[in-house]
Amino acid sequence: MLILDRKENQSIMIGDDIEITVVNIKGDHAKIGINAPTAIKVYRKEIFEEIQKANVEAAKVKPADIKDIDKLLNKKKKM
């Protein structure tokens, strides 16, 4: 892990197009700003972990469950 010391309004660059700026420091909290291309997804770690967990759970769906969902959707379309 690389550890850098930064003050308010100072930045670091990751590659050529990701800039991380320390926006504010108050007590033991730091607010950071991230400037990255829209193709780069940026999440708080706890949100990223929840997304990964949901993806694993979604991958456990059985083909029979998908057929049942398809039947329900087709039934609603006919109504």
C-alpha atoms as a PDB file:
ATOM      1  CA  MET A   1       0.000   0.000   0.000  1.00  0.00           C
ATOM      2  CA  LEU A   2       1.295   3.420  -0.912  1.00  0.00           C
ATOM      3  CA  ILE A   3       0.712   6.018   1.792  1.00  0.00           C
ATOM      4  CA  LEU A   4       0.914   9.700   0.854  1.00  0.00           C
ATOM      5  CA  ASP A   5       0.641  12.734   3.074  1.00  0.00           C
ATOM      6  CA  ARG A   6      -1.631  15.422   1.589  1.00  0.00           C
ATOM      7  CA  LYS A   7      -3.055  18.682   2.894  1.00  0.00           C
ATOM      8  CA  GLU A   8      -6.365  20.329   2.008  1.00  0.00           C
ATOM      9  CA  ASN A   9      -6.658  21.187  -1.687  1.00  0.00           C
ATOM     10  CA  GLN A  10      -3.729  18.942  -2.603  1.00  0.00           C
ATOM     11  CA  SER A  11      -4.185  16.084  -5.050  1.00  0.00           C
ATOM     12  CA  ILE A  12      -2.719  12.831  -6.232  1.00  0.00           C
ATOM     13  CA  MET A  13      -2.961  11.398  -9.721  1.00  0.00           C
ATOM     14  CA  ILE A  14      -3.669   7.783 -10.601  1.00  0.00           C
ATOM     15  CA  GLY A  15      -2.585   7.189 -14.151  1.00  0.00           C
ATOM     16  CA  ASP A  16      -3.226  10.033 -16.562  1.00  0.00           C
ATOM     17  CA  ASP A  17      -6.903  10.646 -15.880  1.00  0.00           C
ATOM     18  CA  ILE A  18      -7.862   9.999 -12.247  1.00  0.00           C
ATOM     19  CA  GLU A  19      -7.327  12.813  -9.770  1.00  0.00           C
ATOM     20  CA  ILE A  20      -8.023  12.509  -6.053  1.00  0.00           C
ATOM     21  CA  THR A  21      -8.168  15.770  -4.106  1.00  0.00           C
ATOM     22  CA  VAL A  22      -8.364  16.316  -0.360  1.00  0.00           C
ATOM     23  CA  VAL A  23     -11.278  18.751  -0.161  1.00  0.00           C
ATOM     24  CA  ASN A  24     -11.596  19.174   3.595  1.00  0.00           C
ATOM     25  CA  ILE A  25     -10.102  17.800   6.794  1.00  0.00           C
ATOM     26  CA  LYS A  26     -12.070  18.123  10.022  1.00  0.00           C
ATOM     27  CA  GLY A  27     -10.929  16.179  13.059  1.00  0.00           C
ATOM     28  CA  ASP A  28     -10.404  12.585  12.051  1.00  0.00           C
ATOM     29  CA  HIS A  29     -12.511  12.884   8.861  1.00  0.00           C
ATOM     30  CA  ALA A  30     -11.253  13.794   5.422  1.00  0.00           C
ATOM     31  CA  LYS A  31     -13.503  14.666   2.495  1.00  0.00           C
ATOM     32  CA  ILE A  32     -12.037  13.716  -0.833  1.00  0.00           C
ATOM     33  CA  GLY A  33     -13.040  14.558  -4.364  1.00  0.00           C
ATOM     34  CA  ILE A  34     -12.484  12.135  -7.217  1.00  0.00           C
ATOM     35  CA  ASN A  35     -12.270  13.282 -10.796  1.00  0.00           C
ATOM     36  CA  ALA A  36     -12.341  10.268 -13.130  1.00  0.00           C
ATOM     37  CA  PRO A  37     -13.685   9.402 -16.570  1.00  0.00           C
ATOM     38  CA  THR A  38     -17.340   8.352 -16.545  1.00  0.00           C
ATOM     39  CA  ALA A  39     -16.297   4.873 -17.704  1.00  0.00           C
ATOM     40  CA  ILE A  40     -14.547   4.380 -14.351  1.00  0.00           C
ATOM     41  CA  LYS A  41     -16.973   3.326 -11.638  1.00  0.00           C
ATOM     42  CA  VAL A  42     -16.233   4.831  -8.225  1.00  0.00           C
ATOM     43  CA  TYR A  43     -17.914   3.447  -5.107  1.00  0.00           C
ATOM     44  CA  ARG A  44     -17.413   3.646  -1.374  1.00  0.00           C
ATOM     45  CA  LYS A  45     -15.900   0.318  -0.339  1.00  0.00           C
ATOM     46  CA  GLU A  46     -18.910  -0.794   1.722  1.00  0.00           C
ATOM     47  CA  ILE A  47     -21.237  -0.132  -1.239  1.00  0.00           C
ATOM     48  CA  PHE A  48     -18.874  -1.999  -3.591  1.00  0.00           C
ATOM     49  CA  GLU A  49     -18.898  -4.997  -1.235  1.00  0.00           C
ATOM     50  CA  GLU A  50     -22.721  -4.966  -1.128  1.00  0.00           C
ATOM     51  CA  ILE A  51     -22.855  -4.913  -4.933  1.00  0.00           C
ATOM     52  CA  GLN A  52     -20.455  -7.849  -5.099  1.00  0.00           C
ATOM     53  CA  LYS A  53     -22.523  -9.784  -2.549  1.00  0.00           C
ATOM     54  CA  ALA A  54     -25.729  -9.107  -4.502  1.00  0.00           C
ATOM     55  CA  ASN A  55     -24.052 -10.263  -7.714  1.00  0.00           C
ATOM     56  CA  VAL A  56     -22.994 -13.537  -6.069  1.00  0.00           C
ATOM     57  CA  GLU A  57     -26.533 -14.090  -4.800  1.00  0.00           C
ATOM     58  CA  ALA A  58     -28.004 -13.307  -8.224  1.00  0.00           C
ATOM     59  CA  ALA A  59     -25.679 -15.863  -9.802  1.00  0.00           C
ATOM     60  CA  LYS A  60     -27.216 -18.545  -7.568  1.00  0.00           C
ATOM     61  CA  VAL A  61     -30.607 -18.265  -9.286  1.00  0.00           C
ATOM     62  CA  LYS A  62     -31.715 -21.623 -10.686  1.00  0.00           C
ATOM     63  CA  PRO A  63     -32.979 -21.948 -14.271  1.00  0.00           C
ATOM     64  CA  ALA A  64     -36.347 -23.170 -12.930  1.00  0.00           C
ATOM     65  CA  ASP A  65     -36.728 -19.912 -10.993  1.00  0.00           C
ATOM     66  CA  ILE A  66     -36.119 -17.932 -14.172  1.00  0.00           C
ATOM     67  CA  LYS A  67     -38.821 -19.922 -15.982  1.00  0.00           C
ATOM     68  CA  ASP A  68     -41.278 -19.131 -13.191  1.00  0.00           C
ATOM     69  CA  ILE A  69     -40.454 -15.430 -13.434  1.00  0.00           C
ATOM     70  CA  ASP A  70     -40.883 -15.561 -17.204  1.00  0.00           C
ATOM     71  CA  LYS A  71     -44.335 -17.151 -16.781  1.00  0.00           C
ATOM     72  CA  LEU A  72     -45.381 -14.435 -14.330  1.00  0.00           C
ATOM     73  CA  LEU A  73     -44.187 -11.663 -16.627  1.00  0.00           C
ATOM     74  CA  ASN A  74     -45.955 -13.140 -19.635  1.00  0.00           C
ATOM     75  CA  LYS A  75     -49.143 -13.546 -17.590  1.00  0.00           C
ATOM     76  CA  LYS A  76     -49.064  -9.837 -16.632  1.00  0.00           C
ATOM     77  CA  LYS A  77     -48.509  -8.807 -20.259  1.00  0.00           C
ATOM     78  CA  LYS A  78     -51.659 -10.682 -21.332  1.00  0.00           C
ATOM     79  CA  MET A  79     -53.801  -8.904 -18.728  1.00  0.00           C
END
